[in-house]
Amino acid sequence: MASSRGVFSVGGIEVAQTKISPIDDPHANYNGLNPSSTTLPKGHKKDPSRRGFEVATIWDRDVEVPMRDGIVLRADVFRPADVNEKVPALIAWSPYGKSGTGKSPCGHVAAKLLSGANHSLVSHSRAGFLGLDLVPGRVGIPKSMLSGFESFEAPDPAEWTAHGYAVVNVDARGIFKSEGNQRWNGTAEGRDGYDAVEFIASLPWCNGHVALIGVSWLAMAQWHIAAERPPHLSCILPLEGLSDMYRESLCRGGVPYLPFWHFLRDHGLYGLHTVGSIRGFEDIPHNKKWLRLHPTQEWHDLYQKETTDDLKKYLDFYTRGIKNDWEKTPKVRISVIRYNQPPTKNVPFSTWPIPQTEYKTLWLSGGQSLKDIYSTAETGEVSYQSDAPAEQVDNDPEFVEFTYSFAEKSTIIGPSKAVLYMSCTDHDDMDIFVIIRKADKNGKILQNINIPLNELGVTSEQEVQDINSLKYIGPSGILRASHRALDPKLSKPHWLAHDHRQEQKIPPGHIVKLEIGIWPAAIQFEAGEKLVFRVAGHQMTLAEFTPLRGQFHTGNKGKHTLHFGGQYDSHLVVSFVPI
């Protein structure tokens, strides 16, 4: 119920607005207000294909949640029926529509979205809610595993009411059944969250302890709500959420990702993979925090029993006062992927960045090699066509690569950094893309499947679609050369942050030093396997969805030349950790 397009400003800065689907749109999944309280009996199923509730559950539907400015949000509350004590509340703060109670979770557009055919139809799902049908194989989560009452990227009420928790699915401001204009993260959404936390805590069934939980946007919102410090917020569980919109998604490295963000504007989808959770862990200024990096895609991980058990232990401690040994849990647990071999799960560490990290410098050298000994005498240059078309399907041409072979088992855990000396005779700027790939002993470039094959319902890697949610190919970095100035306040010894408030154009042909941060990874290499470092003028990761293939266009022109050796000590700094 957001307003139509108009002029809206904050601090004198005009804020763009756009219409959402009207409530009478046939695909909007809007079925009107229906405030009611219903008891779902033990074993209740939304339909025969779905998971049943393990305990009798009260479903309070379209509960009014008042905001300080008079706007009313609406929530669905699922709480255990046959309990004598008050229970904690788990709030899922969502822009996707609460509780899966509409007609269809975008199944009518999923096939078109994934095939790329007529994807303008996807815009109809904006006022409704998204679902796992967006991804082939539902990321390994069959319908029978969930009740269908869960919000997208949120906990399943059928699971958590059985553990003695209430699940509160909130339509954020301007979404579905909530009044007002939709907020795009930030302090305003944080204030809304504060009001919701305090209201839910005051309800007669709540024990006064509220937690926030969810993935992606549902995690991002938690940073802003927690920053407002609502008194009854006991803990947060931001499971995969970016924390710097500009640097991590909208304009990474200063290069606008326009196709993806036009897609978001038109269709209401949001990023799948971010570095924000790590940054959030580092920057939270106290020690009651834990970081777990898991080996499968985030939606898949959310509903695994191992994950549920872990979250329950945490929540029991902070919202129910159960004296378990949660606080003895290692502060950092890292799962190391091996590229389609079983991962090494939950390697414990005391903090992040990992104290045992050994930063190793590998110099770009002749013969397309990376060497751990620098030679000033060995100089060279290589070039690629920077404006060649790219489809983001892992076989695009026009890149240069350098390879390092491991003499013994080695493990990368953490971010990396590329320092490159580059020039372009045809333009005054360069958009540079880098990636670290893993190759086997024979030099074959590998991909990591993010979901076990049997859970996807396939038998071979070749059957898995080449999209970013299903395949991970390696950590990447991006930088627009004119944005090369670093931000000394945000940069850390192990992580680069660029300023992005000044533009330093480059005279054509001038050689410039570029420092490019590469996102964190946890990858194991066996003896004889290879690290392959690639540089290109186009994005080398897989597209998020098939309609985005070939849509990422840069500002590049002509050839880019990479210089190494002598006074141009182009190199890669990699974080190795002995395990």
Protein backbone atom coordinates (compact mmCIF):
# COMPACT_ATOMS: atom_id res chain seq x y z
CA MET A 1 0.00 0.00 0.00
CA ALA A 2 2.87 2.35 -0.77
CA SER A 3 2.01 5.66 -2.42
CA SER A 4 2.29 6.33 -6.14
CA ARG A 5 5.35 7.96 -7.65
CA GLY A 6 5.95 11.45 -6.25
CA VAL A 7 8.55 13.79 -4.83
CA PHE A 8 9.82 12.75 -1.43
CA SER A 9 12.95 14.19 0.15
CA VAL A 10 15.11 13.56 3.17
CA GLY A 11 17.44 16.34 4.23
CA GLY A 12 16.79 18.11 0.96
CA ILE A 13 17.78 15.07 -1.12
CA GLU A 14 15.08 13.76 -3.43
CA VAL A 15 14.32 10.08 -2.87
CA ALA A 16 13.18 7.97 -5.81
CA GLN A 17 9.80 6.29 -5.45
CA THR A 18 8.05 3.72 -7.58
CA LYS A 19 4.65 2.09 -7.64
CA ILE A 20 4.07 -1.41 -6.35
CA SER A 21 1.48 -3.77 -7.72
CA PRO A 22 -2.06 -2.66 -6.83
CA ILE A 23 -3.99 -4.87 -4.46
CA ASP A 24 -6.44 -5.84 -7.20
CA ASP A 25 -3.67 -7.15 -9.45
CA PRO A 26 -4.59 -10.81 -10.18
CA HIS A 27 -1.10 -11.93 -9.19
CA ALA A 28 -0.74 -9.77 -6.07
CA ASN A 29 -1.74 -12.58 -3.70
CA TYR A 30 -3.76 -10.05 -1.69
CA ASN A 31 -6.81 -11.59 -0.03
CA GLY A 32 -7.93 -8.70 2.14
CA LEU A 33 -7.70 -8.08 5.85
CA ASN A 34 -8.81 -11.00 7.97
CA PRO A 35 -8.06 -10.32 11.63
CA SER A 36 -8.78 -13.56 13.45
CA SER A 37 -7.44 -16.11 15.90
CA THR A 38 -7.49 -19.77 14.93
CA THR A 39 -6.14 -22.85 16.66
CA LEU A 40 -4.38 -25.16 14.24
CA PRO A 41 -4.53 -28.68 15.71
CA LYS A 42 -1.48 -30.86 16.10
CA GLY A 43 -0.73 -32.41 12.73
CA HIS A 44 -2.42 -29.61 10.77
CA LYS A 45 -1.16 -29.26 7.20
CA LYS A 46 -1.71 -26.35 4.86
CA ASP A 47 -2.04 -28.94 2.11
CA PRO A 48 -1.13 -32.63 1.86
CA SER A 49 2.31 -31.88 0.39
CA ARG A 50 3.35 -29.80 3.39
CA ARG A 51 4.85 -30.42 6.81
CA GLY A 52 2.39 -30.68 9.66
CA PHE A 53 2.51 -28.80 12.96
CA GLU A 54 4.01 -30.86 15.77
CA VAL A 55 1.96 -29.09 18.44
CA ALA A 56 -1.38 -27.31 18.52
CA THR A 57 -0.69 -23.74 17.45
CA ILE A 58 -2.66 -20.51 17.80
CA TRP A 59 -2.55 -18.44 14.62
CA ASP A 60 -3.32 -14.77 15.33
CA ARG A 61 -3.79 -13.29 11.89
CA ASP A 62 -3.39 -9.66 10.76
CA VAL A 63 -2.46 -8.42 14.22
CA GLU A 64 -2.22 -4.61 14.23
CA VAL A 65 1.21 -3.33 15.24
CA PRO A 66 1.08 0.45 15.90
CA MET A 67 3.94 2.75 14.91
CA ARG A 68 4.84 6.03 16.61
CA ASP A 69 3.64 8.07 13.60
CA GLY A 70 0.18 6.48 13.56
CA ILE A 71 0.88 4.02 10.74
CA VAL A 72 -0.32 0.46 11.41
CA LEU A 73 1.74 -2.54 10.40
CA ARG A 74 0.29 -6.03 10.42
CA ALA A 75 1.71 -9.32 11.58
CA ASP A 76 0.81 -12.97 11.81
CA VAL A 77 1.63 -14.60 15.13
CA PHE A 78 2.06 -18.36 15.55
CA ARG A 79 2.33 -19.47 19.19
CA PRO A 80 2.06 -22.80 20.98
CA ALA A 81 -1.47 -23.39 22.28
CA ASP A 82 -1.04 -25.88 25.09
CA VAL A 83 1.46 -24.07 27.31
CA ASN A 84 1.03 -22.61 30.76
CA GLU A 85 3.92 -20.17 30.65
CA LYS A 86 4.60 -17.11 28.54
CA VAL A 87 6.89 -17.65 25.55
CA PRO A 88 9.60 -15.68 23.73
CA ALA A 89 8.89 -14.10 20.34
CA LEU A 90 10.95 -14.53 17.17
CA ILE A 91 10.29 -11.63 14.80
CA ALA A 92 10.86 -12.08 11.07
CA TRP A 93 10.83 -8.56 9.61
CA SER A 94 10.03 -9.04 5.94
CA PRO A 95 9.39 -7.12 2.70
CA TYR A 96 8.15 -10.30 0.99
CA GLY A 97 4.71 -10.80 2.53
CA LYS A 98 4.04 -12.61 5.78
CA SER A 99 3.35 -16.25 6.46
CA GLY A 100 2.99 -17.69 2.98
CA THR A 101 -0.74 -17.13 3.16
CA GLY A 102 -1.30 -15.83 -0.37
CA LYS A 103 -2.45 -17.88 -3.35
CA SER A 104 0.95 -18.87 -4.69
CA PRO A 105 4.59 -18.18 -3.77
CA CYS A 106 5.47 -16.93 -7.26
CA GLY A 107 5.32 -20.38 -8.81
CA HIS A 108 3.52 -18.86 -11.81
CA VAL A 109 6.60 -16.81 -12.69
CA ALA A 110 9.43 -19.01 -11.45
CA ALA A 111 9.89 -20.89 -14.70
CA LYS A 112 9.96 -17.69 -16.74
CA LEU A 113 12.42 -16.10 -14.34
CA LEU A 114 14.79 -19.03 -14.45
CA SER A 115 14.59 -19.46 -18.20
CA GLY A 116 14.84 -15.77 -18.96
CA ALA A 117 11.63 -15.85 -21.00
CA ASN A 118 9.39 -12.78 -20.73
CA HIS A 119 10.66 -11.99 -17.27
CA SER A 120 8.64 -8.76 -17.14
CA LEU A 121 5.89 -10.94 -15.70
CA VAL A 122 7.91 -11.29 -12.52
CA SER A 123 6.91 -7.77 -11.52
CA HIS A 124 3.50 -9.11 -10.55
CA SER A 125 5.01 -10.89 -7.56
CA ARG A 126 6.17 -7.64 -5.96
CA ALA A 127 3.11 -7.15 -3.78
CA GLY A 128 2.99 -10.81 -2.90
CA PHE A 129 5.78 -12.90 -1.52
CA LEU A 130 8.70 -14.81 -2.91
CA GLY A 131 9.51 -18.45 -2.35
CA LEU A 132 11.98 -21.23 -2.91
CA ASP A 133 10.29 -22.09 -6.20
CA LEU A 134 12.45 -19.32 -7.66
CA VAL A 135 15.44 -21.67 -7.73
CA PRO A 136 15.68 -25.07 -9.46
CA GLY A 137 15.22 -27.89 -6.97
CA ARG A 138 14.06 -25.38 -4.31
CA VAL A 139 17.72 -25.28 -3.12
CA GLY A 140 17.25 -28.82 -1.85
CA ILE A 141 14.31 -27.98 0.43
CA PRO A 142 11.25 -30.04 -0.59
CA LYS A 143 7.79 -28.69 0.19
CA SER A 144 7.31 -31.54 2.65
CA MET A 145 10.09 -30.07 4.79
CA LEU A 146 8.22 -26.79 5.47
CA SER A 147 4.70 -25.94 6.58
CA GLY A 148 4.09 -23.23 3.98
CA PHE A 149 3.25 -20.73 6.73
CA GLU A 150 6.81 -19.39 6.86
CA SER A 151 7.82 -16.04 5.42
CA PHE A 152 10.44 -16.22 2.69
CA GLU A 153 13.93 -16.49 4.28
CA ALA A 154 12.39 -16.88 7.74
CA PRO A 155 11.92 -19.65 10.32
CA ASP A 156 9.08 -22.13 9.92
CA PRO A 157 6.36 -21.73 12.58
CA ALA A 158 5.74 -25.50 12.54
CA GLU A 159 9.33 -26.02 13.70
CA TRP A 160 9.59 -23.30 16.31
CA THR A 161 6.22 -23.52 18.03
CA ALA A 162 7.19 -27.11 18.84
CA HIS A 163 10.25 -25.70 20.64
CA GLY A 164 8.13 -23.32 22.72
CA TYR A 165 8.57 -20.13 20.70
CA ALA A 166 6.16 -17.73 19.03
CA VAL A 167 6.98 -16.79 15.45
CA VAL A 168 5.90 -13.27 14.50
CA ASN A 169 5.89 -12.59 10.77
CA VAL A 170 5.67 -8.84 10.17
CA ASP A 171 4.81 -7.11 6.92
CA ALA A 172 7.24 -4.18 6.94
CA ARG A 173 5.92 -0.69 6.25
CA GLY A 174 4.31 -0.40 2.83
CA ILE A 175 4.34 -4.17 2.28
CA PHE A 176 1.25 -6.27 1.58
CA LYS A 177 -1.15 -5.55 4.48
CA SER A 178 0.87 -2.87 6.27
CA GLU A 179 0.21 0.83 5.77
CA GLY A 180 2.64 3.50 4.60
CA ASN A 181 5.49 3.75 2.12
CA GLN A 182 8.05 0.97 1.97
CA ARG A 183 11.36 1.83 3.64
CA TRP A 184 14.72 0.85 2.14
CA ASN A 185 16.63 -0.14 5.27
CA GLY A 186 18.22 2.57 7.40
CA THR A 187 17.23 4.39 10.56
CA ALA A 188 13.57 4.79 9.61
CA GLU A 189 13.11 1.03 9.34
CA GLY A 190 15.06 0.68 12.57
CA ARG A 191 12.56 2.89 14.37
CA ASP A 192 9.68 0.85 13.00
CA GLY A 193 11.39 -2.28 14.27
CA TYR A 194 11.89 -0.72 17.71
CA ASP A 195 8.16 -0.02 17.96
CA ALA A 196 7.30 -3.54 16.81
CA VAL A 197 9.67 -5.19 19.30
CA GLU A 198 8.26 -3.22 22.21
CA PHE A 199 4.65 -3.84 21.17
CA ILE A 200 5.13 -7.59 20.75
CA ALA A 201 6.94 -7.78 24.11
CA SER A 202 3.89 -6.20 25.78
CA LEU A 203 1.40 -8.80 24.55
CA PRO A 204 0.00 -11.08 27.27
CA TRP A 205 1.45 -14.31 25.84
CA CYS A 206 5.04 -12.96 25.52
CA ASN A 207 7.62 -13.43 28.29
CA GLY A 208 9.18 -10.06 27.48
CA HIS A 209 12.04 -11.50 25.46
CA VAL A 210 12.13 -10.80 21.72
CA ALA A 211 14.65 -11.96 19.13
CA LEU A 212 15.05 -10.96 15.48
CA ILE A 213 15.79 -13.72 12.98
CA GLY A 214 16.08 -14.24 9.24
CA VAL A 215 18.19 -14.25 6.09
CA SER A 216 19.14 -11.51 3.58
CA TRP A 217 16.80 -8.50 3.93
CA LEU A 218 15.47 -10.07 7.12
CA ALA A 219 19.06 -9.97 8.40
CA MET A 220 19.88 -6.52 7.03
CA ALA A 221 16.93 -4.99 8.88
CA GLN A 222 18.27 -6.38 12.15
CA TRP A 223 21.36 -4.14 12.06
CA HIS A 224 19.14 -1.05 11.94
CA ILE A 225 16.58 -2.26 14.48
CA ALA A 226 19.24 -3.32 16.97
CA ALA A 227 20.99 0.04 16.56
CA GLU A 228 17.86 1.68 18.02
CA ARG A 229 18.31 -0.46 21.17
CA PRO A 230 14.73 -1.54 21.94
CA PRO A 231 14.77 -2.55 25.64
CA HIS A 232 13.07 -5.92 25.10
CA LEU A 233 15.30 -7.06 22.24
CA SER A 234 17.27 -9.90 23.82
CA CYS A 235 19.34 -10.99 20.81
CA ILE A 236 19.57 -10.94 17.03
CA LEU A 237 20.26 -13.66 14.48
CA PRO A 238 21.26 -11.91 11.23
CA LEU A 239 21.81 -14.95 9.04
CA GLU A 240 23.53 -13.59 5.90
CA GLY A 241 22.92 -9.86 5.66
CA LEU A 242 24.88 -7.13 3.92
CA SER A 243 25.87 -4.17 6.06
CA ASP A 244 27.15 -1.64 3.49
CA MET A 245 24.64 -1.37 0.63
CA TYR A 246 26.89 0.70 -1.64
CA ARG A 247 30.19 -1.16 -1.21
CA GLU A 248 28.77 -4.68 -1.05
CA SER A 249 26.01 -4.69 -3.63
CA LEU A 250 24.77 -1.53 -5.32
CA CYS A 251 28.10 -0.20 -6.58
CA ARG A 252 30.79 -2.66 -5.56
CA GLY A 253 34.25 -1.23 -6.18
CA GLY A 254 32.60 1.87 -7.65
CA VAL A 255 31.14 -0.12 -10.58
CA PRO A 256 27.32 0.16 -10.70
CA TYR A 257 25.52 -3.16 -11.05
CA LEU A 258 22.73 -1.55 -13.06
CA PRO A 259 21.06 -4.64 -14.58
CA PHE A 260 20.66 -6.30 -11.19
CA TRP A 261 19.32 -3.15 -9.56
CA HIS A 262 16.94 -2.39 -12.40
CA PHE A 263 15.81 -5.99 -11.97
CA LEU A 264 15.28 -5.38 -8.25
CA ARG A 265 13.41 -2.16 -8.87
CA ASP A 266 11.09 -3.86 -11.34
CA HIS A 267 10.74 -7.29 -9.74
CA GLY A 268 11.48 -7.05 -6.04
CA LEU A 269 14.35 -9.53 -5.73
CA TYR A 270 17.37 -9.04 -3.54
CA GLY A 271 20.99 -10.16 -3.39
CA LEU A 272 21.88 -13.68 -2.37
CA HIS A 273 25.48 -13.51 -1.23
CA THR A 274 27.18 -10.81 0.82
CA VAL A 275 30.22 -10.05 2.93
CA GLY A 276 28.11 -8.03 5.35
CA SER A 277 27.78 -10.68 8.05
CA ILE A 278 31.54 -10.76 8.53
CA ARG A 279 31.76 -6.98 8.64
CA GLY A 280 28.91 -6.91 11.14
CA PHE A 281 30.68 -9.43 13.35
CA GLU A 282 33.91 -7.42 13.26
CA ASP A 283 32.26 -4.09 14.01
CA ILE A 284 29.83 -5.04 16.80
CA PRO A 285 31.61 -3.55 19.85
CA HIS A 286 31.19 -6.33 22.40
CA ASN A 287 32.09 -10.00 22.83
CA LYS A 288 28.61 -11.56 22.99
CA LYS A 289 28.76 -12.43 19.31
CA TRP A 290 29.39 -15.54 17.25
CA LEU A 291 30.19 -16.14 13.59
CA ARG A 292 29.42 -19.33 11.69
CA LEU A 293 30.27 -19.73 8.00
CA HIS A 294 28.34 -22.67 6.58
CA PRO A 295 29.14 -24.80 3.51
CA THR A 296 25.79 -24.65 1.67
CA GLN A 297 23.61 -21.91 0.21
CA GLU A 298 21.92 -19.75 2.84
CA TRP A 299 18.30 -20.80 2.21
CA HIS A 300 19.31 -24.44 2.30
CA ASP A 301 21.29 -23.97 5.50
CA LEU A 302 18.46 -22.18 7.31
CA TYR A 303 16.24 -25.27 7.44
CA GLN A 304 18.82 -27.94 8.27
CA LYS A 305 18.44 -29.74 11.62
CA GLU A 306 22.03 -28.90 12.53
CA THR A 307 21.27 -25.20 12.05
CA THR A 308 17.99 -25.38 13.96
CA ASP A 309 19.68 -27.10 16.90
CA ASP A 310 22.39 -24.44 16.95
CA LEU A 311 19.94 -21.53 16.82
CA LYS A 312 17.73 -23.12 19.48
CA LYS A 313 20.63 -23.44 21.89
CA TYR A 314 21.46 -19.76 21.40
CA LEU A 315 17.84 -18.65 21.76
CA ASP A 316 17.20 -20.87 24.78
CA PHE A 317 20.08 -19.16 26.55
CA TYR A 318 19.15 -15.55 25.76
CA THR A 319 15.34 -15.61 25.61
CA ARG A 320 14.34 -18.44 27.96
CA GLY A 321 17.08 -18.26 30.57
CA ILE A 322 18.07 -21.89 30.11
CA LYS A 323 21.54 -22.39 31.56
CA ASN A 324 23.07 -24.41 28.76
CA ASP A 325 26.70 -24.04 27.72
CA TRP A 326 26.05 -21.79 24.72
CA GLU A 327 28.62 -19.21 25.78
CA LYS A 328 31.32 -21.89 25.55
CA THR A 329 30.61 -22.16 21.82
CA PRO A 330 33.68 -21.12 19.79
CA LYS A 331 33.33 -17.51 18.73
CA VAL A 332 34.10 -18.40 15.12
CA ARG A 333 33.29 -21.61 13.26
CA ILE A 334 34.33 -21.93 9.64
CA SER A 335 33.30 -24.58 7.13
CA VAL A 336 36.00 -25.07 4.50
CA ILE A 337 34.81 -26.09 1.04
CA ARG A 338 36.79 -28.53 -1.09
CA TYR A 339 34.90 -28.14 -4.38
CA ASN A 340 32.49 -31.06 -4.57
CA GLN A 341 34.27 -33.08 -1.95
CA PRO A 342 32.77 -33.20 1.57
CA PRO A 343 33.51 -29.90 3.34
CA THR A 344 35.40 -29.63 6.59
CA LYS A 345 32.70 -28.28 8.89
CA ASN A 346 32.83 -25.95 11.88
CA VAL A 347 36.58 -25.51 12.29
CA PRO A 348 36.80 -23.50 15.55
CA PHE A 349 38.71 -20.26 16.01
CA SER A 350 38.85 -17.66 18.75
CA THR A 351 37.97 -14.62 16.64
CA TRP A 352 37.91 -13.07 13.17
CA PRO A 353 40.21 -12.27 11.45
CA ILE A 354 41.80 -15.54 12.47
CA PRO A 355 44.91 -14.96 14.62
CA GLN A 356 46.83 -17.84 12.99
CA THR A 357 46.50 -16.28 9.52
CA GLU A 358 49.66 -16.31 7.42
CA TYR A 359 49.50 -13.69 4.67
CA LYS A 360 51.41 -14.95 1.66
CA THR A 361 52.40 -12.79 -1.30
CA LEU A 362 52.34 -14.33 -4.77
CA TRP A 363 53.88 -12.22 -7.54
CA LEU A 364 52.55 -12.16 -11.08
CA SER A 365 55.34 -13.50 -13.27
CA GLY A 366 56.15 -14.65 -16.78
CA GLY A 367 54.68 -17.81 -18.21
CA GLN A 368 51.30 -16.96 -16.62
CA SER A 369 52.64 -18.03 -13.23
CA LEU A 370 52.37 -16.84 -9.65
CA LYS A 371 55.63 -17.08 -7.70
CA ASP A 372 56.38 -16.70 -4.02
CA ILE A 373 59.79 -15.15 -4.77
CA TYR A 374 59.94 -11.74 -6.44
CA SER A 375 62.30 -11.08 -9.32
CA THR A 376 62.95 -7.48 -10.37
CA ALA A 377 64.58 -8.75 -13.55
CA GLU A 378 61.53 -10.65 -14.79
CA THR A 379 59.25 -8.06 -16.39
CA GLY A 380 56.32 -8.32 -18.73
CA GLU A 381 52.85 -7.22 -19.69
CA VAL A 382 49.66 -8.92 -20.85
CA SER A 383 46.48 -7.47 -22.32
CA TYR A 384 42.82 -8.32 -22.79
CA GLN A 385 39.94 -6.69 -24.63
CA SER A 386 38.09 -4.90 -21.85
CA ASP A 387 34.78 -4.30 -23.64
CA ALA A 388 34.20 -7.82 -24.95
CA PRO A 389 30.63 -9.09 -24.35
CA ALA A 390 30.22 -11.39 -21.35
CA GLU A 391 27.38 -13.74 -20.42
CA GLN A 392 28.49 -14.72 -16.88
CA VAL A 393 28.23 -18.44 -17.62
CA ASP A 394 31.85 -19.33 -16.75
CA ASN A 395 33.14 -19.54 -20.31
CA ASP A 396 33.48 -15.89 -21.32
CA PRO A 397 36.64 -14.98 -23.26
CA GLU A 398 39.05 -12.07 -22.78
CA PHE A 399 40.85 -12.38 -19.47
CA VAL A 400 44.41 -13.00 -18.32
CA GLU A 401 45.34 -15.58 -15.72
CA PHE A 402 48.24 -16.57 -13.50
CA THR A 403 48.61 -19.94 -11.78
CA TYR A 404 50.19 -21.19 -8.56
CA SER A 405 50.61 -24.92 -7.81
CA PHE A 406 50.56 -26.11 -4.21
CA ALA A 407 53.34 -28.38 -3.01
CA GLU A 408 51.33 -29.34 0.08
CA LYS A 409 47.81 -29.12 1.41
CA SER A 410 46.90 -25.47 2.01
CA THR A 411 43.78 -23.64 3.14
CA ILE A 412 42.63 -20.13 2.35
CA ILE A 413 40.46 -18.63 5.09
CA GLY A 414 39.75 -14.93 4.90
CA PRO A 415 39.95 -12.07 2.41
CA SER A 416 42.65 -11.62 -0.21
CA LYS A 417 44.05 -8.56 -1.95
CA ALA A 418 45.31 -7.88 -5.47
CA VAL A 419 47.79 -5.08 -6.18
CA LEU A 420 47.92 -4.50 -9.92
CA TYR A 421 49.69 -2.01 -12.20
CA MET A 422 47.45 -1.36 -15.19
CA SER A 423 46.98 0.99 -18.12
CA CYS A 424 44.58 1.68 -20.98
CA THR A 425 45.46 3.70 -24.08
CA ASP A 426 41.83 3.97 -25.23
CA HIS A 427 40.05 5.44 -22.20
CA ASP A 428 40.53 7.49 -19.03
CA ASP A 429 39.09 4.86 -16.70
CA MET A 430 39.03 1.09 -16.20
CA ASP A 431 36.55 -1.29 -14.56
CA ILE A 432 38.66 -4.18 -13.27
CA PHE A 433 37.31 -7.56 -12.19
CA VAL A 434 39.42 -10.22 -10.46
CA ILE A 435 38.66 -13.72 -9.20
CA ILE A 436 40.47 -16.61 -7.53
CA ARG A 437 39.62 -19.99 -9.02
CA LYS A 438 40.51 -23.50 -7.95
CA ALA A 439 41.87 -26.00 -10.49
CA ASP A 440 42.59 -29.70 -10.06
CA LYS A 441 46.01 -31.30 -10.53
CA ASN A 442 45.46 -31.43 -14.29
CA GLY A 443 44.54 -27.76 -14.53
CA LYS A 444 40.77 -28.24 -14.90
CA ILE A 445 38.92 -25.24 -13.48
CA LEU A 446 36.42 -26.36 -10.82
CA GLN A 447 33.02 -25.23 -9.61
CA ASN A 448 31.56 -25.91 -6.18
CA ILE A 449 27.94 -27.08 -6.02
CA ASN A 450 26.22 -25.24 -3.16
CA ILE A 451 23.63 -27.95 -2.45
CA PRO A 452 24.15 -31.73 -2.18
CA LEU A 453 23.22 -33.23 -5.54
CA ASN A 454 20.80 -35.76 -4.08
CA GLU A 455 18.90 -32.98 -2.32
CA LEU A 456 18.60 -31.09 -5.61
CA GLY A 457 17.20 -34.23 -7.22
CA VAL A 458 20.01 -34.57 -9.77
CA THR A 459 22.85 -37.05 -10.23
CA SER A 460 25.61 -34.99 -11.85
CA GLU A 461 27.17 -31.54 -11.65
CA GLN A 462 26.25 -30.94 -15.30
CA GLU A 463 22.56 -30.99 -14.38
CA VAL A 464 22.97 -28.06 -11.99
CA GLN A 465 22.14 -24.71 -13.54
CA ASP A 466 24.93 -22.13 -13.80
CA ILE A 467 23.52 -19.53 -11.40
CA ASN A 468 25.15 -18.03 -8.35
CA SER A 469 22.77 -19.52 -5.79
CA LEU A 470 23.55 -23.07 -6.92
CA LYS A 471 27.25 -22.83 -7.82
CA TYR A 472 30.16 -21.04 -6.18
CA ILE A 473 33.19 -20.55 -8.40
CA GLY A 474 35.48 -18.44 -6.24
CA PRO A 475 36.03 -15.18 -4.34
CA SER A 476 36.06 -12.03 -6.44
CA GLY A 477 36.92 -8.35 -6.36
CA ILE A 478 35.89 -5.29 -8.37
CA LEU A 479 37.33 -1.79 -8.74
CA ARG A 480 36.72 1.18 -10.99
CA ALA A 481 40.20 2.68 -11.36
CA SER A 482 39.01 6.26 -10.84
CA HIS A 483 37.70 5.14 -7.41
CA ARG A 484 41.08 3.74 -6.35
CA ALA A 485 41.54 6.08 -3.37
CA LEU A 486 41.27 4.18 -0.09
CA ASP A 487 39.22 5.19 2.93
CA PRO A 488 41.71 5.14 5.82
CA LYS A 489 38.95 5.07 8.44
CA LEU A 490 37.14 2.04 7.02
CA SER A 491 40.17 0.11 5.75
CA LYS A 492 41.75 -2.48 8.01
CA PRO A 493 45.08 -4.32 7.80
CA HIS A 494 43.27 -7.32 6.32
CA TRP A 495 40.54 -5.53 4.37
CA LEU A 496 40.47 -2.67 1.86
CA ALA A 497 37.69 -0.10 1.77
CA HIS A 498 37.67 2.52 -0.96
CA ASP A 499 36.56 6.09 -0.43
CA HIS A 500 34.20 6.51 -3.43
CA ARG A 501 33.89 10.26 -2.74
CA GLN A 502 36.45 11.35 -5.30
CA GLU A 503 37.00 10.50 -8.94
CA GLN A 504 40.58 10.30 -10.20
CA LYS A 505 40.57 9.87 -13.95
CA ILE A 506 43.65 8.38 -15.62
CA PRO A 507 45.47 9.87 -18.62
CA PRO A 508 45.27 7.34 -21.47
CA GLY A 509 48.32 5.08 -21.42
CA HIS A 510 49.32 6.07 -17.88
CA ILE A 511 50.21 3.12 -15.61
CA VAL A 512 48.34 3.26 -12.32
CA LYS A 513 48.56 1.18 -9.13
CA LEU A 514 45.27 -0.43 -8.11
CA GLU A 515 44.54 -2.16 -4.80
CA ILE A 516 41.54 -4.48 -5.07
CA GLY A 517 39.94 -6.26 -2.12
CA ILE A 518 38.83 -9.83 -2.75
CA TRP A 519 35.94 -11.13 -0.68
CA PRO A 520 36.61 -13.69 2.06
CA ALA A 521 36.62 -17.40 1.27
CA ALA A 522 37.39 -20.72 2.95
CA ILE A 523 38.85 -23.11 0.37
CA GLN A 524 41.10 -26.13 0.77
CA PHE A 525 43.73 -27.04 -1.83
CA GLU A 526 45.39 -30.44 -1.90
CA ALA A 527 49.01 -30.93 -2.93
CA GLY A 528 49.24 -30.53 -6.69
CA GLU A 529 46.02 -28.53 -6.99
CA LYS A 530 46.21 -25.01 -8.32
CA LEU A 531 45.15 -21.48 -7.50
CA VAL A 532 44.26 -19.60 -10.68
CA PHE A 533 44.09 -15.79 -10.49
CA ARG A 534 42.16 -14.10 -13.29
CA VAL A 535 41.83 -10.45 -14.32
CA ALA A 536 39.24 -9.18 -16.82
CA GLY A 537 37.15 -6.22 -17.89
CA HIS A 538 33.90 -8.04 -17.13
CA GLN A 539 32.25 -9.77 -14.20
CA MET A 540 33.46 -13.37 -13.91
CA THR A 541 31.07 -14.68 -11.26
CA LEU A 542 27.90 -16.48 -12.34
CA ALA A 543 24.75 -14.43 -12.84
CA GLU A 544 22.24 -14.49 -9.98
CA PHE A 545 19.44 -15.53 -12.35
CA THR A 546 19.34 -16.42 -16.01
CA PRO A 547 17.62 -13.18 -17.18
CA LEU A 548 20.70 -11.28 -15.99
CA ARG A 549 23.10 -13.12 -18.28
CA GLY A 550 24.81 -10.73 -20.65
CA GLN A 551 23.21 -7.69 -19.02
CA PHE A 552 26.17 -6.41 -16.96
CA HIS A 553 27.76 -3.69 -19.10
CA THR A 554 30.77 -1.72 -17.90
CA GLY A 555 32.26 1.62 -18.87
CA ASN A 556 35.30 -0.05 -20.44
CA LYS A 557 36.78 0.76 -23.83
CA GLY A 558 39.62 -0.90 -25.72
CA LYS A 559 42.43 -2.99 -24.30
CA HIS A 560 43.61 -3.11 -20.69
CA THR A 561 47.27 -3.89 -20.11
CA LEU A 562 48.55 -5.48 -16.89
CA HIS A 563 52.20 -4.78 -16.08
CA PHE A 564 54.35 -6.96 -13.79
CA GLY A 565 57.96 -7.28 -12.68
CA GLY A 566 60.64 -4.67 -12.18
CA GLN A 567 59.14 -1.48 -10.74
CA TYR A 568 55.63 -2.87 -11.26
CA ASP A 569 55.37 -5.47 -8.52
CA SER A 570 51.85 -6.68 -9.32
CA HIS A 571 50.94 -9.31 -6.75
CA LEU A 572 48.26 -11.21 -4.89
CA VAL A 573 48.14 -11.40 -1.08
CA VAL A 574 46.31 -14.51 0.14
CA SER A 575 45.16 -15.44 3.68
CA PHE A 576 46.37 -18.93 4.55
CA VAL A 577 45.43 -20.64 7.82
CA PRO A 578 46.94 -23.94 9.01
CA ILE A 579 44.23 -26.43 9.98
